Amino acid sequence: MTSTAVTLPRASTPPSPAVPTRRALRAGGAVRSPGARFAAYATLLILWGVSVSGPVAQTLTMDRTKAVEGVKFTIAQAVVDAWWVAFLVPAGITLFLVVFRVMFVRKDVTPLIVVLLPSLWIVFDEFSHGRPVSEKVLLPIGIAIALWALQVRVGDLRLYALLTTAMAAVSMVLTSIAPRLVYMPESFDLATDKALLDLPLLAGFFSHPNGNGLFLTFALPFTYLFSRWYLRWSTTAVLVAAIVWSASRTALIGVVVWFVIVLLTMLLRRSLHAVIGVVLFGLCAAVVIVPLTTTDPTAYTLRGAIWQFTLSQLSGTHWLDGLGHTWFTDNYDVLKDALTTAAGHGHNVFVTYTVTGGLILVAAFGFVVYRCTRIARRLPSRESIAALGFLCVLAGLSVTESAWRVEAPDDLFAAMMVPLFVIATQSRVLAPLHGPRAGERSGDSLPVLALPEPPRSQHRRA
């Protein structure tokens, strides 16, 4: 007997989660085209070249035994002036993207506005007091917009780690070929009491070992972006060797801060971001507390006298809006006679910018650091550690130096300002939703892209 076939309704299978296609990822910003990647690297390279061109040209065209403080050789000044044309390239790209892309693509503008707060306050403060606003103050605004429009990523800053490592290696090699180009002018023949290696102090391509040390230290956190251990540790070793050779005490503080961050990444897992946040908060507090509580004028290599004298110039509302962005330059002769030739700035970020821009400017810096910290915590793990480490190093260097720069071009603007702008303008699209995925190698893989979940169908039993 033939049985009648009974057809039962087939239960509908839930659709598998949608896997983001490369086109969807690119539309959301998680994957870049080769052209976008090339534009990001080319812009970073141009900005780095603008920053170091002046010091390199000065080094190669002068004899430091005859150097005079503040005087540039003609060819060095010509090179600096020529590099200003290079800023037209990222400016043109930015204008194109703002007009033809950003207007049609959703983009978070809030991080850009936040990172520009210090510059905007300086411009407003100068304009409201009838003081001229220098183009050097306006230029960083354009740089930040360019990096935001091009969507340069923290991972791209490994280029800076490579370039700075090469620069440090070349400066150390030149000590045996042309020592008068790279040693500190006062220490050609013998090591000073400050030296750590019983060698003359290494100024490299900068006019002073402190400038050399600061420039190299800012690049240290970005060595962590290399996924291969031998690249990571070899670049770190070259940079640390050159920093120790420079004997810059402030730079050595930055090295210690970075190694503390590296140690924490090895020891901690779940609470790593929270602990790094505590370290960063402590360093930022030290930037304010150290100069306010220092009573010995000879402390920190006469920085105590600079802090006391410059802060004593403030009174009343000047604590809020400062004495003017160019106050140190305008009064350098008085400061030099009353203190030392090193009194061209406050040698502390809190002192320098409270005097020039008031507590409002300092508060703007603090808000930028806070926002950058929150953005860094959302990044893939390797980029997150590099970004948080950079912020900690910046805070550590700011205790005894005016490490936070607000003008461009400047010897440190590529080392300090450009990475800060890149961190501050990272898109939310690049942030992982639930931390690293299984099998992710320290942030090397693509970050998770937030895509809408398809609706689940209702299941009915037969």
Protein backbone atom coordinates (compact mmCIF):
# COMPACT_ATOMS: atom_id res chain seq x y z
CA MET A 1 0.00 0.00 0.00
CA THR A 2 1.26 3.30 -0.98
CA SER A 3 1.40 5.78 1.85
CA THR A 4 0.29 9.27 1.22
CA ALA A 5 3.07 11.76 1.60
CA VAL A 6 2.30 14.33 4.20
CA THR A 7 4.04 17.65 3.72
CA LEU A 8 4.74 19.47 6.93
CA PRO A 9 5.45 23.18 6.98
CA ARG A 10 9.18 23.69 7.17
CA ALA A 11 10.34 25.73 10.10
CA SER A 12 12.01 28.85 8.92
CA THR A 13 15.71 28.94 9.73
CA PRO A 14 16.99 32.13 11.29
CA PRO A 15 19.19 33.96 8.84
CA SER A 16 22.87 33.92 9.63
CA PRO A 17 24.31 37.20 10.88
CA ALA A 18 25.20 39.48 8.04
CA VAL A 19 28.93 39.52 7.39
CA PRO A 20 30.05 43.02 6.43
CA THR A 21 31.24 43.09 2.87
CA ARG A 22 34.32 45.04 1.85
CA ARG A 23 32.06 47.53 0.10
CA ALA A 24 30.02 48.05 3.30
CA LEU A 25 33.17 48.40 5.36
CA ARG A 26 34.60 50.94 2.93
CA ALA A 27 31.34 52.89 2.88
CA GLY A 28 31.44 53.02 6.67
CA GLY A 29 35.05 54.06 6.78
CA ALA A 30 36.55 50.86 8.25
CA VAL A 31 38.47 50.07 5.06
CA ARG A 32 40.28 52.70 3.03
CA SER A 33 41.01 52.73 -0.65
CA PRO A 34 44.67 52.74 -1.73
CA GLY A 35 44.25 56.38 -2.74
CA ALA A 36 42.97 57.36 0.72
CA ARG A 37 45.82 55.50 2.38
CA PHE A 38 48.37 57.18 0.10
CA ALA A 39 46.87 60.62 0.83
CA ALA A 40 47.11 59.99 4.59
CA TYR A 41 50.76 58.90 4.46
CA ALA A 42 51.70 61.69 2.05
CA THR A 43 50.15 64.31 4.33
CA LEU A 44 51.94 62.94 7.38
CA LEU A 45 55.22 62.90 5.46
CA ILE A 46 54.76 66.52 4.35
CA LEU A 47 54.00 67.69 7.89
CA TRP A 48 57.00 65.80 9.28
CA GLY A 49 59.23 67.34 6.60
CA VAL A 50 57.98 70.83 7.38
CA SER A 51 58.75 70.30 11.06
CA VAL A 52 62.31 69.03 10.69
CA SER A 53 63.44 70.92 7.57
CA GLY A 54 64.54 74.00 9.49
CA PRO A 55 66.61 72.14 12.12
CA VAL A 56 68.18 69.85 9.50
CA ALA A 57 69.11 72.78 7.21
CA GLN A 58 70.47 74.72 10.18
CA THR A 59 72.57 71.75 11.28
CA LEU A 60 74.06 71.07 7.86
CA THR A 61 74.96 74.71 7.16
CA MET A 62 76.54 75.86 10.40
CA ASP A 63 79.45 75.31 12.72
CA ARG A 64 78.02 75.07 16.20
CA THR A 65 81.17 76.43 17.77
CA LYS A 66 80.24 79.76 16.15
CA ALA A 67 76.48 79.52 16.67
CA VAL A 68 74.61 82.45 18.18
CA GLU A 69 71.38 81.81 20.04
CA GLY A 70 68.26 82.63 18.02
CA VAL A 71 70.13 83.43 14.79
CA LYS A 72 69.36 81.34 11.70
CA PHE A 73 71.68 80.97 8.73
CA THR A 74 70.30 82.38 5.46
CA ILE A 75 69.94 79.04 3.72
CA ALA A 76 68.17 77.50 6.73
CA GLN A 77 65.61 80.32 6.79
CA ALA A 78 65.11 79.93 3.04
CA VAL A 79 64.37 76.23 3.46
CA VAL A 80 61.82 76.96 6.19
CA ASP A 81 60.12 79.58 4.02
CA ALA A 82 60.03 77.22 1.02
CA TRP A 83 58.30 74.50 3.04
CA TRP A 84 55.34 76.80 3.68
CA VAL A 85 54.27 76.04 0.11
CA ALA A 86 53.93 72.39 1.13
CA PHE A 87 50.98 73.29 3.34
CA LEU A 88 48.97 74.08 0.20
CA VAL A 89 48.87 70.36 -0.67
CA PRO A 90 46.91 69.11 2.38
CA ALA A 91 44.90 72.35 2.33
CA GLY A 92 43.79 71.66 -1.25
CA ILE A 93 42.93 68.06 -0.47
CA THR A 94 40.96 69.13 2.57
CA LEU A 95 38.95 71.71 0.64
CA PHE A 96 38.08 69.08 -1.97
CA LEU A 97 36.92 66.57 0.66
CA VAL A 98 34.94 69.11 2.65
CA VAL A 99 33.05 70.30 -0.44
CA PHE A 100 32.53 67.01 -2.28
CA ARG A 101 32.57 64.34 0.41
CA VAL A 102 31.85 65.47 3.94
CA MET A 103 28.64 67.22 2.89
CA PHE A 104 27.24 63.87 1.75
CA VAL A 105 28.81 61.53 4.31
CA ARG A 106 27.90 61.52 7.97
CA LYS A 107 30.96 62.60 9.95
CA ASP A 108 31.36 63.41 13.63
CA VAL A 109 32.47 67.05 13.83
CA THR A 110 32.50 67.22 17.65
CA PRO A 111 36.04 65.78 18.13
CA LEU A 112 37.41 68.30 15.64
CA ILE A 113 35.79 71.22 17.46
CA VAL A 114 37.09 69.96 20.82
CA VAL A 115 40.71 69.64 19.69
CA LEU A 116 40.54 73.14 18.18
CA LEU A 117 39.33 74.76 21.43
CA PRO A 118 42.82 75.91 22.57
CA SER A 119 43.60 77.51 19.20
CA LEU A 120 40.16 79.11 18.96
CA TRP A 121 40.53 80.58 22.46
CA ILE A 122 43.97 82.01 21.62
CA VAL A 123 42.58 83.63 18.46
CA PHE A 124 39.57 85.06 20.34
CA ASP A 125 41.70 86.25 23.27
CA GLU A 126 44.19 88.01 21.01
CA PHE A 127 41.50 89.55 18.80
CA SER A 128 39.39 90.77 21.75
CA HIS A 129 42.42 92.59 23.21
CA GLY A 130 43.32 94.19 19.88
CA ARG A 131 46.52 92.17 19.48
CA PRO A 132 47.55 90.78 16.07
CA VAL A 133 46.87 87.10 15.45
CA SER A 134 49.89 85.36 13.93
CA GLU A 135 49.46 82.97 11.01
CA LYS A 136 51.45 80.48 13.09
CA VAL A 137 48.46 80.28 15.44
CA LEU A 138 45.96 79.89 12.59
CA LEU A 139 47.92 77.23 10.72
CA PRO A 140 47.32 74.41 13.27
CA ILE A 141 43.57 74.87 12.74
CA GLY A 142 44.02 74.06 9.06
CA ILE A 143 46.25 71.08 9.87
CA ALA A 144 43.64 69.63 12.25
CA ILE A 145 40.90 70.02 9.63
CA ALA A 146 43.11 68.33 7.02
CA LEU A 147 43.80 65.31 9.24
CA TRP A 148 40.10 65.09 10.16
CA ALA A 149 38.95 65.28 6.53
CA LEU A 150 41.54 62.75 5.34
CA GLN A 151 40.64 60.42 8.25
CA VAL A 152 44.27 59.73 9.11
CA ARG A 153 44.44 56.89 11.63
CA VAL A 154 46.54 56.23 14.69
CA GLY A 155 48.00 53.18 12.96
CA ASP A 156 49.41 55.46 10.27
CA LEU A 157 51.67 57.07 12.88
CA ARG A 158 54.01 54.09 12.66
CA LEU A 159 55.46 56.15 9.80
CA TYR A 160 56.54 58.76 12.38
CA ALA A 161 58.15 56.07 14.49
CA LEU A 162 60.20 54.89 11.48
CA LEU A 163 61.20 58.40 10.37
CA THR A 164 62.20 59.49 13.87
CA THR A 165 64.17 56.28 14.44
CA ALA A 166 66.07 56.86 11.20
CA MET A 167 66.76 60.45 12.25
CA ALA A 168 68.11 59.30 15.63
CA ALA A 169 70.31 56.65 13.99
CA VAL A 170 71.76 59.17 11.50
CA SER A 171 72.52 61.67 14.27
CA MET A 172 74.41 59.01 16.24
CA VAL A 173 76.38 57.95 13.15
CA LEU A 174 77.34 61.59 12.48
CA THR A 175 79.06 61.78 15.88
CA SER A 176 82.02 59.92 14.38
CA ILE A 177 81.96 61.63 10.96
CA ALA A 178 81.00 65.23 11.77
CA PRO A 179 80.70 65.70 15.54
CA ARG A 180 80.51 69.50 15.28
CA LEU A 181 77.16 69.17 13.53
CA VAL A 182 75.36 67.08 16.14
CA TYR A 183 76.96 67.77 19.53
CA MET A 184 75.87 70.50 21.89
CA PRO A 185 78.05 73.61 21.22
CA GLU A 186 79.35 73.80 24.80
CA SER A 187 80.42 70.16 25.02
CA PHE A 188 82.49 69.24 21.97
CA ASP A 189 85.67 68.14 23.66
CA LEU A 190 84.50 66.60 26.92
CA ALA A 191 81.36 65.40 28.60
CA THR A 192 79.54 67.75 30.96
CA ASP A 193 78.34 66.88 34.45
CA LYS A 194 74.91 66.30 32.96
CA ALA A 195 76.11 63.53 30.59
CA LEU A 196 75.04 59.96 31.32
CA LEU A 197 77.38 58.17 28.88
CA ASP A 198 80.60 60.10 29.59
CA LEU A 199 80.27 61.57 26.08
CA PRO A 200 79.46 65.03 24.74
CA LEU A 201 75.73 65.73 24.75
CA LEU A 202 73.90 64.69 21.57
CA ALA A 203 71.83 67.56 20.17
CA GLY A 204 71.27 65.75 16.87
CA PHE A 205 69.54 67.91 14.28
CA PHE A 206 68.28 70.33 16.92
CA SER A 207 69.85 73.34 18.56
CA HIS A 208 69.83 71.79 22.03
CA PRO A 209 69.89 68.25 23.51
CA ASN A 210 66.57 68.94 25.24
CA GLY A 211 64.87 69.59 21.90
CA ASN A 212 66.40 66.42 20.49
CA GLY A 213 65.28 64.38 23.47
CA LEU A 214 61.71 65.69 23.39
CA PHE A 215 61.32 65.06 19.65
CA LEU A 216 62.53 61.45 19.99
CA THR A 217 60.49 60.72 23.13
CA PHE A 218 57.20 61.69 21.49
CA ALA A 219 57.80 58.94 18.88
CA LEU A 220 58.36 56.18 21.48
CA PRO A 221 54.68 55.21 22.01
CA PHE A 222 54.17 54.70 18.28
CA THR A 223 56.80 51.96 18.15
CA TYR A 224 54.07 49.88 19.81
CA LEU A 225 52.10 50.02 16.55
CA PHE A 226 54.49 47.52 14.92
CA SER A 227 52.99 44.04 15.17
CA ARG A 228 56.37 42.34 14.66
CA TRP A 229 58.36 42.26 17.88
CA TYR A 230 61.76 42.80 16.28
CA LEU A 231 60.59 46.06 14.64
CA ARG A 232 58.96 47.20 17.85
CA TRP A 233 61.98 46.61 20.07
CA SER A 234 64.68 47.65 17.58
CA THR A 235 63.06 51.05 16.98
CA THR A 236 62.59 51.45 20.73
CA ALA A 237 66.25 50.61 21.39
CA VAL A 238 67.54 53.16 18.85
CA LEU A 239 65.30 55.93 20.21
CA VAL A 240 66.16 55.22 23.85
CA ALA A 241 69.90 55.13 23.08
CA ALA A 242 69.75 58.55 21.42
CA ILE A 243 67.62 59.96 24.27
CA VAL A 244 70.07 58.74 26.92
CA TRP A 245 72.93 60.19 24.86
CA SER A 246 71.17 63.58 24.81
CA ALA A 247 70.95 63.46 28.63
CA SER A 248 67.70 65.44 28.57
CA ARG A 249 66.24 64.86 32.02
CA THR A 250 62.74 65.75 30.86
CA ALA A 251 62.99 63.29 27.97
CA LEU A 252 64.19 60.59 30.36
CA ILE A 253 61.06 61.17 32.46
CA GLY A 254 59.05 60.52 29.28
CA VAL A 255 60.99 57.27 28.69
CA VAL A 256 60.20 56.11 32.24
CA VAL A 257 56.52 56.96 31.76
CA TRP A 258 56.39 54.95 28.53
CA PHE A 259 58.08 51.91 30.07
CA VAL A 260 55.56 52.05 32.94
CA ILE A 261 52.76 51.89 30.35
CA VAL A 262 54.46 48.95 28.60
CA LEU A 263 54.86 47.15 31.93
CA LEU A 264 51.18 47.69 32.73
CA THR A 265 50.16 46.18 29.37
CA MET A 266 52.16 43.05 30.26
CA LEU A 267 50.75 42.69 33.78
CA LEU A 268 47.12 43.77 33.41
CA ARG A 269 44.23 42.74 31.20
CA ARG A 270 40.76 43.69 32.43
CA SER A 271 41.54 46.92 34.27
CA LEU A 272 44.34 48.15 31.98
CA HIS A 273 42.52 51.23 30.67
CA ALA A 274 41.38 52.23 34.15
CA VAL A 275 44.91 52.02 35.56
CA ILE A 276 46.40 53.96 32.65
CA GLY A 277 43.69 56.55 33.21
CA VAL A 278 44.81 56.91 36.83
CA VAL A 279 48.43 57.30 35.71
CA LEU A 280 47.41 59.98 33.19
CA PHE A 281 45.35 61.85 35.79
CA GLY A 282 48.28 61.80 38.23
CA LEU A 283 50.67 63.16 35.60
CA CYS A 284 48.23 65.94 34.61
CA ALA A 285 47.83 66.86 38.29
CA ALA A 286 51.63 67.03 38.62
CA VAL A 287 51.76 69.54 35.74
CA VAL A 288 49.74 71.95 37.89
CA ILE A 289 50.90 71.04 41.41
CA VAL A 290 54.69 70.97 40.88
CA PRO A 291 55.16 74.63 39.82
CA LEU A 292 52.61 75.91 42.36
CA THR A 293 54.29 74.13 45.28
CA THR A 294 57.93 74.74 44.32
CA THR A 295 59.47 77.38 46.61
CA ASP A 296 63.17 76.83 45.92
CA PRO A 297 64.32 79.07 43.01
CA THR A 298 67.16 76.67 42.19
CA ALA A 299 64.89 73.63 41.97
CA TYR A 300 64.62 71.73 38.67
CA THR A 301 67.66 73.47 37.16
CA LEU A 302 66.50 77.00 38.05
CA ARG A 303 62.99 76.31 36.79
CA GLY A 304 61.72 77.22 40.26
CA ALA A 305 62.81 80.83 39.72
CA ILE A 306 61.16 80.96 36.28
CA TRP A 307 57.88 79.61 37.68
CA GLN A 308 57.81 82.00 40.61
CA PHE A 309 58.73 85.08 38.60
CA THR A 310 56.37 84.52 35.67
CA LEU A 311 53.35 83.55 37.79
CA SER A 312 53.93 86.63 39.96
CA GLN A 313 53.14 88.76 36.88
CA LEU A 314 49.51 87.62 36.99
CA SER A 315 46.84 89.45 38.93
CA GLY A 316 43.07 89.81 38.86
CA THR A 317 41.40 88.84 35.60
CA HIS A 318 44.79 88.06 34.02
CA TRP A 319 44.54 84.69 35.76
CA LEU A 320 41.57 83.98 33.49
CA ASP A 321 42.70 85.34 30.11
CA GLY A 322 46.50 85.70 30.52
CA LEU A 323 48.87 88.43 29.44
CA GLY A 324 48.90 87.67 25.72
CA HIS A 325 50.13 84.89 23.47
CA THR A 326 53.45 86.62 22.69
CA TRP A 327 54.17 87.80 26.25
CA PHE A 328 57.35 85.70 26.64
CA THR A 329 58.71 86.88 23.29
CA ASP A 330 57.85 90.52 23.92
CA ASN A 331 59.49 90.50 27.36
CA TYR A 332 62.41 88.18 26.64
CA ASP A 333 65.09 90.81 27.33
CA VAL A 334 63.63 91.48 30.80
CA LEU A 335 63.26 87.78 31.53
CA LYS A 336 66.80 87.04 30.35
CA ASP A 337 68.28 89.73 32.61
CA ALA A 338 66.15 88.82 35.62
CA LEU A 339 66.44 85.04 35.24
CA THR A 340 68.41 83.12 32.59
CA THR A 341 68.62 82.91 28.80
CA ALA A 342 66.37 79.83 29.08
CA ALA A 343 63.41 81.97 30.25
CA GLY A 344 61.91 82.23 26.77
CA HIS A 345 58.98 80.14 28.00
CA GLY A 346 57.64 78.83 31.29
CA HIS A 347 59.27 75.38 31.15
CA ASN A 348 55.91 73.95 32.25
CA VAL A 349 52.66 73.79 30.28
CA PHE A 350 50.55 75.13 33.15
CA VAL A 351 52.90 78.09 33.75
CA THR A 352 53.45 78.94 30.08
CA TYR A 353 49.81 78.94 29.08
CA THR A 354 48.36 80.39 32.27
CA VAL A 355 50.63 83.38 31.74
CA THR A 356 49.85 83.70 28.03
CA GLY A 357 46.24 82.48 27.76
CA GLY A 358 44.96 82.20 31.32
CA LEU A 359 43.24 79.38 33.18
CA ILE A 360 40.63 79.21 30.40
CA LEU A 361 43.32 78.03 27.98
CA VAL A 362 44.65 75.50 30.50
CA ALA A 363 41.11 74.19 31.02
CA ALA A 364 40.76 73.79 27.24
CA PHE A 365 43.93 71.68 27.22
CA GLY A 366 42.53 69.53 30.00
CA PHE A 367 39.26 68.97 28.13
CA VAL A 368 41.16 67.95 24.99
CA VAL A 369 43.14 65.37 26.99
CA TYR A 370 39.92 64.04 28.55
CA ARG A 371 38.22 63.64 25.17
CA CYS A 372 41.32 62.09 23.60
CA THR A 373 41.45 59.58 26.44
CA ARG A 374 37.87 58.51 25.81
CA ILE A 375 38.50 58.22 22.08
CA ALA A 376 41.72 56.21 22.63
CA ARG A 377 39.91 53.71 24.82
CA ARG A 378 37.54 52.85 21.94
CA LEU A 379 40.32 52.08 19.47
CA PRO A 380 41.62 48.59 18.64
CA SER A 381 44.03 47.38 21.32
CA ARG A 382 47.40 48.20 19.74
CA GLU A 383 46.30 51.67 18.61
CA SER A 384 44.63 52.24 21.99
CA ILE A 385 47.83 51.55 23.96
CA ALA A 386 49.91 53.73 21.61
CA ALA A 387 47.44 56.62 21.89
CA LEU A 388 47.08 56.41 25.67
CA GLY A 389 50.84 56.06 26.02
CA PHE A 390 51.35 59.18 23.92
CA LEU A 391 48.98 61.16 26.16
CA CYS A 392 50.83 59.95 29.28
CA VAL A 393 54.22 60.84 27.78
CA LEU A 394 52.89 64.27 26.77
CA ALA A 395 51.71 64.90 30.33
CA GLY A 396 55.02 63.66 31.79
CA LEU A 397 57.07 65.94 29.54
CA SER A 398 54.80 68.89 30.32
CA VAL A 399 55.83 69.00 33.99
CA THR A 400 59.23 70.59 33.30
CA GLU A 401 58.94 71.69 29.66
CA SER A 402 56.40 73.57 27.52
CA ALA A 403 55.86 70.38 25.57
CA TRP A 404 52.36 71.26 24.34
CA ARG A 405 52.80 73.41 21.23
CA VAL A 406 50.13 75.64 19.70
CA GLU A 407 52.04 77.09 16.75
CA ALA A 408 53.12 75.70 13.40
CA PRO A 409 55.57 75.24 11.91
CA ASP A 410 57.53 74.44 15.03
CA ASP A 411 60.35 72.02 15.78
CA LEU A 412 57.95 69.84 17.80
CA PHE A 413 54.67 70.33 15.96
CA ALA A 414 55.04 67.13 13.90
CA ALA A 415 56.11 65.19 16.99
CA MET A 416 53.42 66.55 19.33
CA MET A 417 50.60 68.38 17.52
CA VAL A 418 50.06 66.03 14.57
CA PRO A 419 49.70 62.83 16.67
CA LEU A 420 47.38 64.66 19.07
CA PHE A 421 45.18 65.83 16.18
CA VAL A 422 45.12 62.29 14.73
CA ILE A 423 44.06 60.76 18.05
CA ALA A 424 41.43 63.44 18.68
CA THR A 425 39.77 63.09 15.25
CA GLN A 426 39.40 59.30 15.11
CA SER A 427 36.01 58.26 13.75
CA ARG A 428 33.55 56.27 15.85
CA VAL A 429 33.31 53.79 12.95
CA LEU A 430 36.80 52.55 13.80
CA ALA A 431 35.89 51.64 17.39
CA PRO A 432 35.33 47.97 18.32
CA LEU A 433 31.90 47.37 19.83
CA HIS A 434 32.79 44.78 22.46
CA GLY A 435 36.57 44.85 22.74
CA PRO A 436 39.00 42.62 20.82
CA ARG A 437 37.50 39.65 19.00
CA ALA A 438 38.64 36.11 19.48
CA GLY A 439 41.92 35.58 17.73
CA GLU A 440 42.63 39.27 17.30
CA ARG A 441 46.33 40.03 17.51
CA SER A 442 46.57 43.15 19.66
CA GLY A 443 44.50 45.33 17.40
CA ASP A 444 46.11 44.26 14.11
CA SER A 445 42.90 43.04 12.52
CA LEU A 446 40.08 45.14 11.16
CA PRO A 447 37.97 46.80 13.82
CA VAL A 448 34.35 45.75 14.15
CA LEU A 449 31.93 47.85 12.14
CA ALA A 450 28.53 48.62 13.60
CA LEU A 451 25.97 47.27 11.11
CA PRO A 452 22.25 46.89 11.79
CA GLU A 453 21.12 43.35 12.71
CA PRO A 454 18.56 41.77 10.35
CA PRO A 455 15.14 41.13 11.97
CA ARG A 456 14.65 37.59 13.23
CA SER A 457 11.76 35.66 11.69
CA GLN A 458 9.09 34.11 13.88
CA HIS A 459 9.28 30.30 14.28
CA ARG A 460 6.17 28.19 14.27
CA ARG A 461 6.00 24.54 15.19
CA ALA A 462 4.40 22.17 12.77
